Amino acid sequence: MRPRRTDLDAIEAVLLDMDGTLVDSDASIERAWTTWAKEYGVDAGAVLAIAHGVPAARTIRRLFPDLDDEAVAAAARHQHALQYEDLADVTATPGAHHLLTTLNRLGLPWAVVTSADGRLAKARLHAAGIDPPLLLTIDDVRAGKPDPEGYLEAARRLGVAPSACLVVEDSEPGLAAGRAAGMPTAALRGLHGDLLSLPGLDRLAHLLRQPGAAT
């Protein structure tokens, strides 16, 4: 499917994923899942292949479909615990602060919508020097990405129509959540959204500053 053209003048809010989009936490995530996989007797490569961009509980349920809800929740809590204190190399992604400064100068509301829980999201954003005006985590929704609930709730709280919100993501589940919410998407890491593949957040900041910009 060819990405549709997006008139950036119609964008009234920007909704950003956290891990891999605003925050470079790849190493921390991989260490935690590798340790978790060893403890639970599963192949780390197989875990990492499906874990990016989705809540831990969803990944665990895919790996262990016979576990009951309580066991899945306990396994997810343990996976999160492995990440809470592992912040030494967590930083903002290239261009993140430039983009956020641009959004603030343009008066565009923005929010972070993440599959992480509240404690982890706040810790990583703090480590990256990012203080979002609105943060939606897995604690705030009934269903995580690729379900659109988080993005729709962010739009509701900002008072902006979903069609006027731009979703910025670096994973297929996140992009699917944005599309399901009826929002145009911008994709990183070589993925394809309505703005095709962005080489980085600096490029998005540049596009947003250009009157009449469309891609």
N, C-alpha and C. Protein backbone atom coordinates (compact mmCIF):
# COMPACT_ATOMS: atom_id res chain seq x y z
N MET A 1 0.85 -1.20 0.00
CA MET A 1 0.00 0.00 0.00
C MET A 1 0.88 1.25 0.00
N ARG A 2 0.63 2.16 -0.92
CA ARG A 2 1.40 3.39 -0.97
C ARG A 2 0.98 4.31 0.16
N PRO A 3 1.94 4.91 0.90
CA PRO A 3 1.58 5.86 1.95
C PRO A 3 0.83 7.05 1.36
N ARG A 4 -0.18 7.51 2.06
CA ARG A 4 -0.94 8.65 1.57
C ARG A 4 -0.23 9.95 1.93
N ARG A 5 -0.46 10.96 1.12
CA ARG A 5 0.15 12.26 1.37
C ARG A 5 -0.47 12.89 2.62
N THR A 6 0.36 13.57 3.38
CA THR A 6 -0.10 14.18 4.62
C THR A 6 0.23 15.66 4.61
N ASP A 7 -0.79 16.49 4.73
CA ASP A 7 -0.60 17.92 4.81
C ASP A 7 -0.26 18.27 6.25
N LEU A 8 0.97 18.65 6.51
CA LEU A 8 1.40 18.92 7.88
C LEU A 8 0.74 20.16 8.45
N ASP A 9 0.20 21.03 7.60
CA ASP A 9 -0.52 22.20 8.11
C ASP A 9 -1.80 21.78 8.84
N ALA A 10 -2.29 20.56 8.58
CA ALA A 10 -3.51 20.08 9.21
C ALA A 10 -3.23 19.42 10.56
N ILE A 11 -1.96 19.25 10.91
CA ILE A 11 -1.61 18.60 12.17
C ILE A 11 -1.77 19.58 13.33
N GLU A 12 -2.53 19.18 14.35
CA GLU A 12 -2.77 20.03 15.51
C GLU A 12 -2.14 19.48 16.79
N ALA A 13 -1.60 18.27 16.74
CA ALA A 13 -0.93 17.67 17.90
C ALA A 13 -0.03 16.55 17.40
N VAL A 14 1.03 16.27 18.16
CA VAL A 14 1.96 15.20 17.81
C VAL A 14 2.04 14.23 18.98
N LEU A 15 1.82 12.95 18.68
CA LEU A 15 1.82 11.89 19.70
C LEU A 15 3.00 10.98 19.43
N LEU A 16 3.90 10.88 20.41
CA LEU A 16 5.16 10.19 20.19
C LEU A 16 5.29 8.94 21.05
N ASP A 17 5.77 7.88 20.43
CA ASP A 17 6.20 6.71 21.18
C ASP A 17 7.43 7.09 22.00
N MET A 18 7.79 6.26 22.99
CA MET A 18 8.96 6.55 23.81
C MET A 18 10.18 5.75 23.35
N ASP A 19 10.23 4.47 23.70
CA ASP A 19 11.42 3.66 23.43
C ASP A 19 11.68 3.56 21.93
N GLY A 20 12.88 3.94 21.52
CA GLY A 20 13.27 3.88 20.12
C GLY A 20 12.85 5.08 19.31
N THR A 21 11.94 5.90 19.84
CA THR A 21 11.48 7.10 19.15
C THR A 21 12.05 8.34 19.82
N LEU A 22 11.69 8.57 21.07
CA LEU A 22 12.24 9.70 21.82
C LEU A 22 13.43 9.30 22.69
N VAL A 23 13.45 8.05 23.11
CA VAL A 23 14.46 7.58 24.06
C VAL A 23 15.20 6.39 23.48
N ASP A 24 16.53 6.46 23.51
CA ASP A 24 17.36 5.33 23.08
C ASP A 24 17.59 4.43 24.28
N SER A 25 16.78 3.38 24.35
CA SER A 25 16.86 2.43 25.46
C SER A 25 17.07 1.00 24.96
N ASP A 26 17.50 0.87 23.71
CA ASP A 26 17.60 -0.45 23.10
C ASP A 26 18.47 -1.40 23.92
N ALA A 27 19.63 -0.92 24.37
CA ALA A 27 20.55 -1.81 25.08
C ALA A 27 19.93 -2.30 26.39
N SER A 28 19.27 -1.40 27.11
CA SER A 28 18.63 -1.76 28.37
C SER A 28 17.53 -2.79 28.14
N ILE A 29 16.72 -2.57 27.11
CA ILE A 29 15.62 -3.49 26.80
C ILE A 29 16.16 -4.87 26.45
N GLU A 30 17.20 -4.91 25.62
CA GLU A 30 17.75 -6.19 25.20
C GLU A 30 18.39 -6.93 26.37
N ARG A 31 19.07 -6.20 27.25
CA ARG A 31 19.65 -6.86 28.43
C ARG A 31 18.56 -7.47 29.31
N ALA A 32 17.49 -6.71 29.52
CA ALA A 32 16.43 -7.20 30.38
C ALA A 32 15.73 -8.42 29.79
N TRP A 33 15.40 -8.37 28.51
CA TRP A 33 14.73 -9.50 27.90
C TRP A 33 15.65 -10.71 27.80
N THR A 34 16.94 -10.49 27.58
CA THR A 34 17.89 -11.61 27.51
C THR A 34 17.98 -12.31 28.86
N THR A 35 18.07 -11.53 29.93
CA THR A 35 18.09 -12.11 31.28
C THR A 35 16.79 -12.84 31.57
N TRP A 36 15.67 -12.19 31.24
CA TRP A 36 14.35 -12.79 31.47
C TRP A 36 14.22 -14.10 30.71
N ALA A 37 14.63 -14.11 29.45
CA ALA A 37 14.51 -15.31 28.62
C ALA A 37 15.31 -16.47 29.21
N LYS A 38 16.49 -16.18 29.71
CA LYS A 38 17.31 -17.23 30.32
C LYS A 38 16.61 -17.80 31.55
N GLU A 39 16.03 -16.93 32.36
CA GLU A 39 15.34 -17.38 33.57
C GLU A 39 14.10 -18.21 33.26
N TYR A 40 13.43 -17.88 32.16
CA TYR A 40 12.20 -18.58 31.82
C TYR A 40 12.41 -19.70 30.79
N GLY A 41 13.66 -19.94 30.41
CA GLY A 41 13.98 -21.06 29.55
C GLY A 41 13.53 -20.93 28.12
N VAL A 42 13.56 -19.71 27.58
CA VAL A 42 13.20 -19.51 26.18
C VAL A 42 14.37 -18.84 25.45
N ASP A 43 14.36 -18.96 24.13
CA ASP A 43 15.44 -18.40 23.32
C ASP A 43 15.35 -16.88 23.28
N ALA A 44 16.45 -16.22 23.66
CA ALA A 44 16.45 -14.76 23.72
C ALA A 44 16.19 -14.13 22.36
N GLY A 45 16.73 -14.72 21.31
CA GLY A 45 16.51 -14.18 19.97
C GLY A 45 15.06 -14.20 19.57
N ALA A 46 14.38 -15.28 19.93
CA ALA A 46 12.96 -15.38 19.61
C ALA A 46 12.15 -14.35 20.39
N VAL A 47 12.55 -14.08 21.62
CA VAL A 47 11.86 -13.08 22.44
C VAL A 47 12.07 -11.69 21.84
N LEU A 48 13.31 -11.35 21.55
CA LEU A 48 13.61 -10.02 21.04
C LEU A 48 12.95 -9.76 19.68
N ALA A 49 12.70 -10.83 18.94
CA ALA A 49 12.10 -10.67 17.62
C ALA A 49 10.65 -10.19 17.69
N ILE A 50 9.99 -10.40 18.84
CA ILE A 50 8.57 -10.04 18.94
C ILE A 50 8.28 -9.01 20.03
N ALA A 51 9.32 -8.63 20.80
CA ALA A 51 9.06 -7.80 21.99
C ALA A 51 9.00 -6.31 21.71
N HIS A 52 9.58 -5.84 20.61
CA HIS A 52 9.72 -4.40 20.41
C HIS A 52 8.38 -3.74 20.13
N GLY A 53 8.08 -2.71 20.92
CA GLY A 53 6.92 -1.88 20.65
C GLY A 53 5.60 -2.35 21.23
N VAL A 54 5.62 -3.46 21.98
CA VAL A 54 4.38 -3.97 22.56
C VAL A 54 4.54 -4.15 24.06
N PRO A 55 3.45 -4.16 24.81
CA PRO A 55 3.55 -4.38 26.26
C PRO A 55 4.18 -5.72 26.58
N ALA A 56 4.92 -5.78 27.67
CA ALA A 56 5.58 -7.03 28.06
C ALA A 56 4.59 -8.17 28.20
N ALA A 57 3.42 -7.90 28.77
CA ALA A 57 2.44 -8.96 28.97
C ALA A 57 1.99 -9.57 27.65
N ARG A 58 1.88 -8.76 26.61
CA ARG A 58 1.47 -9.29 25.30
C ARG A 58 2.54 -10.22 24.75
N THR A 59 3.82 -9.83 24.90
CA THR A 59 4.92 -10.68 24.45
C THR A 59 4.92 -11.99 25.21
N ILE A 60 4.76 -11.91 26.52
CA ILE A 60 4.78 -13.11 27.36
C ILE A 60 3.64 -14.05 27.01
N ARG A 61 2.46 -13.50 26.74
CA ARG A 61 1.33 -14.35 26.39
C ARG A 61 1.57 -15.05 25.06
N ARG A 62 2.25 -14.39 24.14
CA ARG A 62 2.58 -15.05 22.87
C ARG A 62 3.56 -16.20 23.09
N LEU A 63 4.48 -16.00 24.03
CA LEU A 63 5.48 -17.04 24.31
C LEU A 63 4.90 -18.20 25.11
N PHE A 64 3.99 -17.87 26.03
CA PHE A 64 3.40 -18.87 26.92
C PHE A 64 1.87 -18.75 26.90
N PRO A 65 1.23 -19.21 25.82
CA PRO A 65 -0.22 -19.01 25.68
C PRO A 65 -1.04 -19.74 26.74
N ASP A 66 -0.45 -20.71 27.44
CA ASP A 66 -1.21 -21.46 28.43
C ASP A 66 -1.17 -20.84 29.83
N LEU A 67 -0.38 -19.80 30.02
CA LEU A 67 -0.31 -19.16 31.33
C LEU A 67 -1.61 -18.43 31.64
N ASP A 68 -2.03 -18.46 32.90
CA ASP A 68 -3.21 -17.70 33.28
C ASP A 68 -2.84 -16.23 33.46
N ASP A 69 -3.85 -15.40 33.63
CA ASP A 69 -3.62 -13.95 33.69
C ASP A 69 -2.69 -13.56 34.83
N GLU A 70 -2.84 -14.21 35.98
CA GLU A 70 -2.01 -13.87 37.14
C GLU A 70 -0.54 -14.19 36.87
N ALA A 71 -0.28 -15.32 36.23
CA ALA A 71 1.10 -15.71 35.93
C ALA A 71 1.72 -14.79 34.88
N VAL A 72 0.91 -14.40 33.90
CA VAL A 72 1.41 -13.46 32.89
C VAL A 72 1.76 -12.13 33.54
N ALA A 73 0.90 -11.64 34.41
CA ALA A 73 1.15 -10.37 35.08
C ALA A 73 2.40 -10.44 35.94
N ALA A 74 2.61 -11.55 36.63
CA ALA A 74 3.79 -11.71 37.47
C ALA A 74 5.06 -11.73 36.62
N ALA A 75 5.01 -12.42 35.48
CA ALA A 75 6.17 -12.49 34.59
C ALA A 75 6.48 -11.12 34.00
N ALA A 76 5.43 -10.35 33.69
CA ALA A 76 5.62 -9.00 33.15
C ALA A 76 6.21 -8.08 34.21
N ARG A 77 5.74 -8.20 35.45
CA ARG A 77 6.29 -7.37 36.52
C ARG A 77 7.78 -7.66 36.71
N HIS A 78 8.14 -8.92 36.61
CA HIS A 78 9.56 -9.27 36.77
C HIS A 78 10.38 -8.70 35.61
N GLN A 79 9.85 -8.77 34.41
CA GLN A 79 10.56 -8.21 33.26
C GLN A 79 10.78 -6.72 33.42
N HIS A 80 9.74 -6.00 33.88
CA HIS A 80 9.88 -4.57 34.12
C HIS A 80 10.92 -4.29 35.21
N ALA A 81 10.90 -5.11 36.26
CA ALA A 81 11.83 -4.90 37.37
C ALA A 81 13.28 -4.98 36.91
N LEU A 82 13.54 -5.80 35.91
CA LEU A 82 14.90 -5.92 35.39
C LEU A 82 15.35 -4.63 34.70
N GLN A 83 14.39 -3.78 34.32
CA GLN A 83 14.72 -2.55 33.58
C GLN A 83 14.74 -1.30 34.44
N TYR A 84 14.06 -1.31 35.59
CA TYR A 84 13.87 -0.09 36.36
C TYR A 84 15.18 0.63 36.71
N GLU A 85 16.18 -0.12 37.09
CA GLU A 85 17.43 0.50 37.55
C GLU A 85 18.51 0.49 36.47
N ASP A 86 18.19 -0.02 35.31
CA ASP A 86 19.18 -0.15 34.24
C ASP A 86 19.08 1.05 33.31
N LEU A 87 19.59 2.19 33.76
CA LEU A 87 19.42 3.46 33.03
C LEU A 87 20.73 4.11 32.62
N ALA A 88 21.84 3.43 32.85
CA ALA A 88 23.15 4.07 32.66
C ALA A 88 23.36 4.57 31.24
N ASP A 89 22.88 3.83 30.25
CA ASP A 89 23.11 4.24 28.85
C ASP A 89 21.81 4.65 28.16
N VAL A 90 20.80 5.00 28.94
CA VAL A 90 19.54 5.49 28.37
C VAL A 90 19.67 6.99 28.11
N THR A 91 19.45 7.40 26.88
CA THR A 91 19.59 8.81 26.48
C THR A 91 18.47 9.19 25.51
N ALA A 92 18.34 10.46 25.25
CA ALA A 92 17.42 10.91 24.20
C ALA A 92 17.95 10.47 22.85
N THR A 93 17.06 10.14 21.93
CA THR A 93 17.48 9.79 20.58
C THR A 93 17.95 11.05 19.85
N PRO A 94 18.79 10.88 18.82
CA PRO A 94 19.23 12.05 18.05
C PRO A 94 18.04 12.83 17.50
N GLY A 95 18.05 14.12 17.72
CA GLY A 95 16.99 14.99 17.21
C GLY A 95 15.78 15.11 18.11
N ALA A 96 15.73 14.33 19.21
CA ALA A 96 14.54 14.36 20.06
C ALA A 96 14.32 15.74 20.67
N HIS A 97 15.36 16.31 21.27
CA HIS A 97 15.19 17.62 21.91
C HIS A 97 14.93 18.71 20.88
N HIS A 98 15.54 18.59 19.71
CA HIS A 98 15.29 19.55 18.64
C HIS A 98 13.81 19.52 18.24
N LEU A 99 13.27 18.30 18.07
CA LEU A 99 11.86 18.19 17.69
C LEU A 99 10.95 18.75 18.78
N LEU A 100 11.21 18.42 20.03
CA LEU A 100 10.34 18.89 21.10
C LEU A 100 10.41 20.41 21.26
N THR A 101 11.60 20.97 21.07
CA THR A 101 11.73 22.44 21.11
C THR A 101 10.93 23.06 19.97
N THR A 102 10.98 22.42 18.80
CA THR A 102 10.22 22.92 17.65
C THR A 102 8.72 22.87 17.92
N LEU A 103 8.24 21.78 18.49
CA LEU A 103 6.82 21.65 18.80
C LEU A 103 6.38 22.74 19.77
N ASN A 104 7.20 22.99 20.78
CA ASN A 104 6.86 24.02 21.75
C ASN A 104 6.85 25.41 21.12
N ARG A 105 7.80 25.68 20.24
CA ARG A 105 7.86 26.99 19.58
C ARG A 105 6.67 27.18 18.64
N LEU A 106 6.22 26.10 18.01
CA LEU A 106 5.08 26.17 17.10
C LEU A 106 3.75 26.16 17.84
N GLY A 107 3.80 25.91 19.14
CA GLY A 107 2.56 25.82 19.91
C GLY A 107 1.76 24.57 19.62
N LEU A 108 2.44 23.51 19.18
CA LEU A 108 1.76 22.25 18.89
C LEU A 108 1.75 21.38 20.15
N PRO A 109 0.59 21.02 20.65
CA PRO A 109 0.53 20.11 21.80
C PRO A 109 1.18 18.78 21.45
N TRP A 110 1.79 18.13 22.44
CA TRP A 110 2.38 16.82 22.20
C TRP A 110 2.26 15.95 23.44
N ALA A 111 2.35 14.65 23.21
CA ALA A 111 2.23 13.69 24.30
C ALA A 111 3.10 12.49 23.98
N VAL A 112 3.43 11.76 25.01
CA VAL A 112 4.15 10.49 24.87
C VAL A 112 3.16 9.37 25.17
N VAL A 113 3.10 8.39 24.26
CA VAL A 113 2.23 7.23 24.42
C VAL A 113 3.11 5.99 24.32
N THR A 114 3.25 5.25 25.42
CA THR A 114 4.23 4.17 25.47
C THR A 114 3.64 2.87 26.00
N SER A 115 4.26 1.76 25.61
CA SER A 115 3.87 0.45 26.12
C SER A 115 4.54 0.14 27.46
N ALA A 116 5.43 1.01 27.91
CA ALA A 116 6.07 0.82 29.22
C ALA A 116 5.08 1.16 30.33
N ASP A 117 5.36 0.67 31.54
CA ASP A 117 4.53 1.07 32.67
C ASP A 117 4.96 2.44 33.17
N GLY A 118 4.18 3.01 34.07
CA GLY A 118 4.43 4.39 34.49
C GLY A 118 5.79 4.59 35.14
N ARG A 119 6.19 3.67 36.03
CA ARG A 119 7.47 3.83 36.71
C ARG A 119 8.62 3.81 35.72
N LEU A 120 8.60 2.86 34.78
CA LEU A 120 9.69 2.76 33.82
C LEU A 120 9.70 3.94 32.87
N ALA A 121 8.52 4.35 32.41
CA ALA A 121 8.44 5.48 31.48
C ALA A 121 9.00 6.75 32.11
N LYS A 122 8.62 7.03 33.35
CA LYS A 122 9.10 8.23 34.02
C LYS A 122 10.61 8.17 34.24
N ALA A 123 11.13 7.00 34.59
CA ALA A 123 12.56 6.86 34.82
C ALA A 123 13.34 7.09 33.53
N ARG A 124 12.88 6.51 32.44
CA ARG A 124 13.61 6.66 31.17
C ARG A 124 13.50 8.08 30.63
N LEU A 125 12.34 8.67 30.70
CA LEU A 125 12.19 10.04 30.22
C LEU A 125 13.05 10.99 31.05
N HIS A 126 13.10 10.77 32.35
CA HIS A 126 13.95 11.60 33.21
C HIS A 126 15.42 11.44 32.82
N ALA A 127 15.85 10.21 32.58
CA ALA A 127 17.23 9.95 32.18
C ALA A 127 17.57 10.65 30.87
N ALA A 128 16.56 10.76 29.99
CA ALA A 128 16.76 11.40 28.69
C ALA A 128 16.55 12.91 28.74
N GLY A 129 16.18 13.44 29.89
CA GLY A 129 15.95 14.88 30.01
C GLY A 129 14.69 15.35 29.32
N ILE A 130 13.66 14.51 29.29
CA ILE A 130 12.41 14.83 28.62
C ILE A 130 11.28 14.85 29.63
N ASP A 131 10.51 15.93 29.63
CA ASP A 131 9.40 16.09 30.56
C ASP A 131 8.12 16.35 29.76
N PRO A 132 7.39 15.30 29.39
CA PRO A 132 6.24 15.50 28.51
C PRO A 132 5.07 16.17 29.24
N PRO A 133 4.32 17.02 28.55
CA PRO A 133 3.13 17.63 29.16
C PRO A 133 2.03 16.61 29.41
N LEU A 134 2.04 15.50 28.65
CA LEU A 134 1.07 14.43 28.84
C LEU A 134 1.77 13.11 28.57
N LEU A 135 1.62 12.17 29.50
CA LEU A 135 2.22 10.84 29.37
C LEU A 135 1.14 9.79 29.55
N LEU A 136 0.99 8.91 28.57
CA LEU A 136 0.07 7.78 28.64
C LEU A 136 0.91 6.51 28.60
N THR A 137 0.75 5.65 29.62
CA THR A 137 1.50 4.40 29.71
C THR A 137 0.54 3.22 29.67
N ILE A 138 1.09 2.03 29.77
CA ILE A 138 0.25 0.83 29.77
C ILE A 138 -0.65 0.82 31.00
N ASP A 139 -0.28 1.57 32.04
CA ASP A 139 -1.11 1.64 33.24
C ASP A 139 -2.41 2.41 33.01
N ASP A 140 -2.46 3.19 31.94
CA ASP A 140 -3.60 4.08 31.69
C ASP A 140 -4.63 3.50 30.72
N VAL A 141 -4.36 2.31 30.19
CA VAL A 141 -5.26 1.74 29.18
C VAL A 141 -5.59 0.30 29.52
N ARG A 142 -6.64 -0.18 28.89
CA ARG A 142 -7.00 -1.60 29.06
C ARG A 142 -6.25 -2.49 28.10
N ALA A 143 -5.90 -1.95 26.95
CA ALA A 143 -5.19 -2.73 25.93
C ALA A 143 -4.06 -1.90 25.35
N GLY A 144 -2.88 -2.50 25.24
CA GLY A 144 -1.72 -1.79 24.70
C GLY A 144 -1.62 -1.94 23.19
N LYS A 145 -0.62 -1.31 22.62
CA LYS A 145 -0.39 -1.38 21.18
C LYS A 145 -0.27 -2.85 20.75
N PRO A 146 -0.82 -3.22 19.60
CA PRO A 146 -1.33 -2.37 18.51
C PRO A 146 -2.76 -1.86 18.68
N ASP A 147 -3.37 -2.05 19.83
CA ASP A 147 -4.68 -1.46 20.07
C ASP A 147 -4.56 0.06 20.07
N PRO A 148 -5.52 0.77 19.51
CA PRO A 148 -5.43 2.24 19.39
C PRO A 148 -5.80 3.00 20.65
N GLU A 149 -6.18 2.30 21.73
CA GLU A 149 -6.74 2.99 22.89
C GLU A 149 -5.85 4.10 23.43
N GLY A 150 -4.54 3.84 23.55
CA GLY A 150 -3.63 4.85 24.11
C GLY A 150 -3.60 6.11 23.27
N TYR A 151 -3.54 5.96 21.96
CA TYR A 151 -3.50 7.15 21.09
C TYR A 151 -4.83 7.88 21.10
N LEU A 152 -5.92 7.16 21.11
CA LEU A 152 -7.22 7.82 21.16
C LEU A 152 -7.42 8.56 22.48
N GLU A 153 -6.94 7.97 23.57
CA GLU A 153 -7.07 8.64 24.86
C GLU A 153 -6.20 9.90 24.92
N ALA A 154 -5.01 9.83 24.33
CA ALA A 154 -4.15 11.02 24.29
C ALA A 154 -4.82 12.14 23.51
N ALA A 155 -5.41 11.80 22.37
CA ALA A 155 -6.11 12.81 21.57
C ALA A 155 -7.27 13.42 22.36
N ARG A 156 -8.00 12.56 23.06
CA ARG A 156 -9.13 13.05 23.85
C ARG A 156 -8.67 14.02 24.93
N ARG A 157 -7.60 13.67 25.63
CA ARG A 157 -7.11 14.53 26.71
C ARG A 157 -6.55 15.85 26.18
N LEU A 158 -6.01 15.82 24.98
CA LEU A 158 -5.48 17.05 24.39
C LEU A 158 -6.59 17.87 23.74
N GLY A 159 -7.76 17.28 23.55
CA GLY A 159 -8.86 17.98 22.91
C GLY A 159 -8.67 18.18 21.43
N VAL A 160 -8.00 17.21 20.79
CA VAL A 160 -7.70 17.30 19.36
C VAL A 160 -8.33 16.09 18.66
N ALA A 161 -8.94 16.32 17.50
CA ALA A 161 -9.53 15.22 16.74
C ALA A 161 -8.45 14.22 16.33
N PRO A 162 -8.73 12.92 16.37
CA PRO A 162 -7.72 11.94 15.98
C PRO A 162 -7.10 12.20 14.61
N SER A 163 -7.91 12.61 13.66
CA SER A 163 -7.39 12.82 12.30
C SER A 163 -6.39 13.97 12.24
N ALA A 164 -6.35 14.82 13.27
CA ALA A 164 -5.42 15.95 13.29
C ALA A 164 -4.20 15.66 14.16
N CYS A 165 -4.06 14.42 14.62
CA CYS A 165 -2.91 14.03 15.44
C CYS A 165 -1.91 13.24 14.60
N LEU A 166 -0.66 13.60 14.66
CA LEU A 166 0.39 12.86 13.97
C LEU A 166 1.05 11.91 14.97
N VAL A 167 1.05 10.62 14.64
CA VAL A 167 1.70 9.61 15.47
C VAL A 167 3.11 9.36 14.95
N VAL A 168 4.09 9.39 15.85
CA VAL A 168 5.49 9.14 15.49
C VAL A 168 5.93 7.85 16.17
N GLU A 169 6.32 6.86 15.38
CA GLU A 169 6.60 5.53 15.90
C GLU A 169 7.82 4.90 15.22
N ASP A 170 8.35 3.88 15.89
CA ASP A 170 9.49 3.15 15.33
C ASP A 170 9.23 1.65 15.30
N SER A 171 7.98 1.22 15.48
CA SER A 171 7.66 -0.20 15.44
C SER A 171 6.36 -0.43 14.69
N GLU A 172 6.22 -1.61 14.12
CA GLU A 172 4.99 -1.93 13.39
C GLU A 172 3.77 -1.96 14.30
N PRO A 173 3.86 -2.53 15.54
CA PRO A 173 2.68 -2.47 16.41
C PRO A 173 2.26 -1.04 16.72
N GLY A 174 3.23 -0.14 16.91
CA GLY A 174 2.90 1.25 17.19
C GLY A 174 2.27 1.93 16.00
N LEU A 175 2.78 1.68 14.81
CA LEU A 175 2.20 2.25 13.60
C LEU A 175 0.79 1.72 13.38
N ALA A 176 0.60 0.43 13.66
CA ALA A 176 -0.73 -0.15 13.52
C ALA A 176 -1.71 0.50 14.50
N ALA A 177 -1.25 0.80 15.70
CA ALA A 177 -2.11 1.47 16.68
C ALA A 177 -2.51 2.85 16.19
N GLY A 178 -1.55 3.60 15.62
CA GLY A 178 -1.86 4.92 15.10
C GLY A 178 -2.85 4.86 13.95
N ARG A 179 -2.64 3.94 13.03
CA ARG A 179 -3.56 3.82 11.90
C ARG A 179 -4.96 3.42 12.38
N ALA A 180 -5.02 2.48 13.35
CA ALA A 180 -6.32 2.06 13.86
C ALA A 180 -7.06 3.19 14.55
N ALA A 181 -6.29 4.17 15.07
CA ALA A 181 -6.90 5.34 15.70
C ALA A 181 -7.33 6.38 14.68
N GLY A 182 -7.06 6.14 13.40
CA GLY A 182 -7.43 7.09 12.36
C GLY A 182 -6.49 8.27 12.27
N MET A 183 -5.23 8.07 12.66
CA MET A 183 -4.23 9.14 12.70
C MET A 183 -3.16 8.94 11.64
N PRO A 184 -2.69 10.00 10.99
CA PRO A 184 -1.54 9.87 10.11
C PRO A 184 -0.31 9.51 10.92
N THR A 185 0.63 8.79 10.30
CA THR A 185 1.79 8.30 11.02
C THR A 185 3.09 8.71 10.35
N ALA A 186 4.11 8.89 11.19
CA ALA A 186 5.48 9.11 10.73
C ALA A 186 6.32 7.96 11.26
N ALA A 187 7.11 7.33 10.40
CA ALA A 187 7.81 6.11 10.77
C ALA A 187 9.32 6.31 10.78
N LEU A 188 9.96 5.71 11.77
CA LEU A 188 11.41 5.70 11.90
C LEU A 188 11.94 4.29 11.64
N ARG A 189 13.25 4.13 11.70
CA ARG A 189 13.93 2.83 11.57
C ARG A 189 13.64 2.14 10.25
N GLY A 190 13.45 2.91 9.19
CA GLY A 190 13.23 2.32 7.88
C GLY A 190 11.84 1.78 7.64
N LEU A 191 10.94 1.98 8.59
CA LEU A 191 9.56 1.55 8.40
C LEU A 191 8.80 2.59 7.59
N HIS A 192 7.59 2.25 7.17
CA HIS A 192 6.84 3.15 6.30
C HIS A 192 5.54 3.59 6.96
N GLY A 193 5.39 4.90 7.07
CA GLY A 193 4.15 5.50 7.56
C GLY A 193 3.63 6.45 6.51
N ASP A 194 2.73 7.32 6.90
CA ASP A 194 2.19 8.28 5.95
C ASP A 194 3.23 9.30 5.51
N LEU A 195 4.30 9.46 6.30
CA LEU A 195 5.41 10.33 5.90
C LEU A 195 6.58 9.51 5.39
N LEU A 196 6.29 8.31 4.92
CA LEU A 196 7.32 7.38 4.47
C LEU A 196 8.29 7.10 5.61
N SER A 197 9.57 6.96 5.27
CA SER A 197 10.57 6.64 6.28
C SER A 197 11.36 7.89 6.65
N LEU A 198 11.25 8.32 7.89
CA LEU A 198 12.01 9.48 8.35
C LEU A 198 13.41 9.04 8.75
N PRO A 199 14.44 9.72 8.29
CA PRO A 199 15.79 9.38 8.71
C PRO A 199 16.05 9.71 10.17
N GLY A 200 15.25 10.59 10.73
CA GLY A 200 15.42 10.97 12.12
C GLY A 200 14.43 12.05 12.51
N LEU A 201 14.41 12.37 13.80
CA LEU A 201 13.46 13.37 14.29
C LEU A 201 13.81 14.78 13.84
N ASP A 202 15.07 15.03 13.53
CA ASP A 202 15.45 16.34 12.99
C ASP A 202 14.69 16.64 11.70
N ARG A 203 14.53 15.61 10.87
CA ARG A 203 13.82 15.79 9.61
C ARG A 203 12.37 16.17 9.84
N LEU A 204 11.73 15.56 10.82
CA LEU A 204 10.35 15.91 11.12
C LEU A 204 10.26 17.34 11.64
N ALA A 205 11.20 17.73 12.48
CA ALA A 205 11.21 19.11 12.97
C ALA A 205 11.31 20.08 11.80
N HIS A 206 12.16 19.76 10.83
CA HIS A 206 12.33 20.62 9.65
C HIS A 206 11.03 20.71 8.86
N LEU A 207 10.37 19.57 8.63
CA LEU A 207 9.13 19.57 7.86
C LEU A 207 8.04 20.38 8.55
N LEU A 208 7.95 20.26 9.86
CA LEU A 208 6.91 20.98 10.60
C LEU A 208 7.10 22.49 10.56
N ARG A 209 8.34 22.92 10.36
CA ARG A 209 8.61 24.37 10.31
C ARG A 209 8.31 24.96 8.94
N GLN A 210 8.05 24.11 7.95
CA GLN A 210 7.86 24.63 6.59
C GLN A 210 6.38 24.83 6.29
N PRO A 211 5.94 26.09 6.09
CA PRO A 211 4.53 26.32 5.74
C PRO A 211 4.13 25.57 4.48
N GLY A 212 2.97 24.93 4.54
CA GLY A 212 2.48 24.21 3.38
C GLY A 212 3.20 22.92 3.10
N ALA A 213 3.99 22.43 4.05
CA ALA A 213 4.75 21.22 3.79
C ALA A 213 3.81 20.03 3.65
N ALA A 214 4.12 19.18 2.70
CA ALA A 214 3.40 17.93 2.52
C ALA A 214 4.38 16.89 2.01
N THR A 215 4.13 15.63 2.32
CA THR A 215 5.02 14.56 1.88
C THR A 215 4.22 13.50 1.15
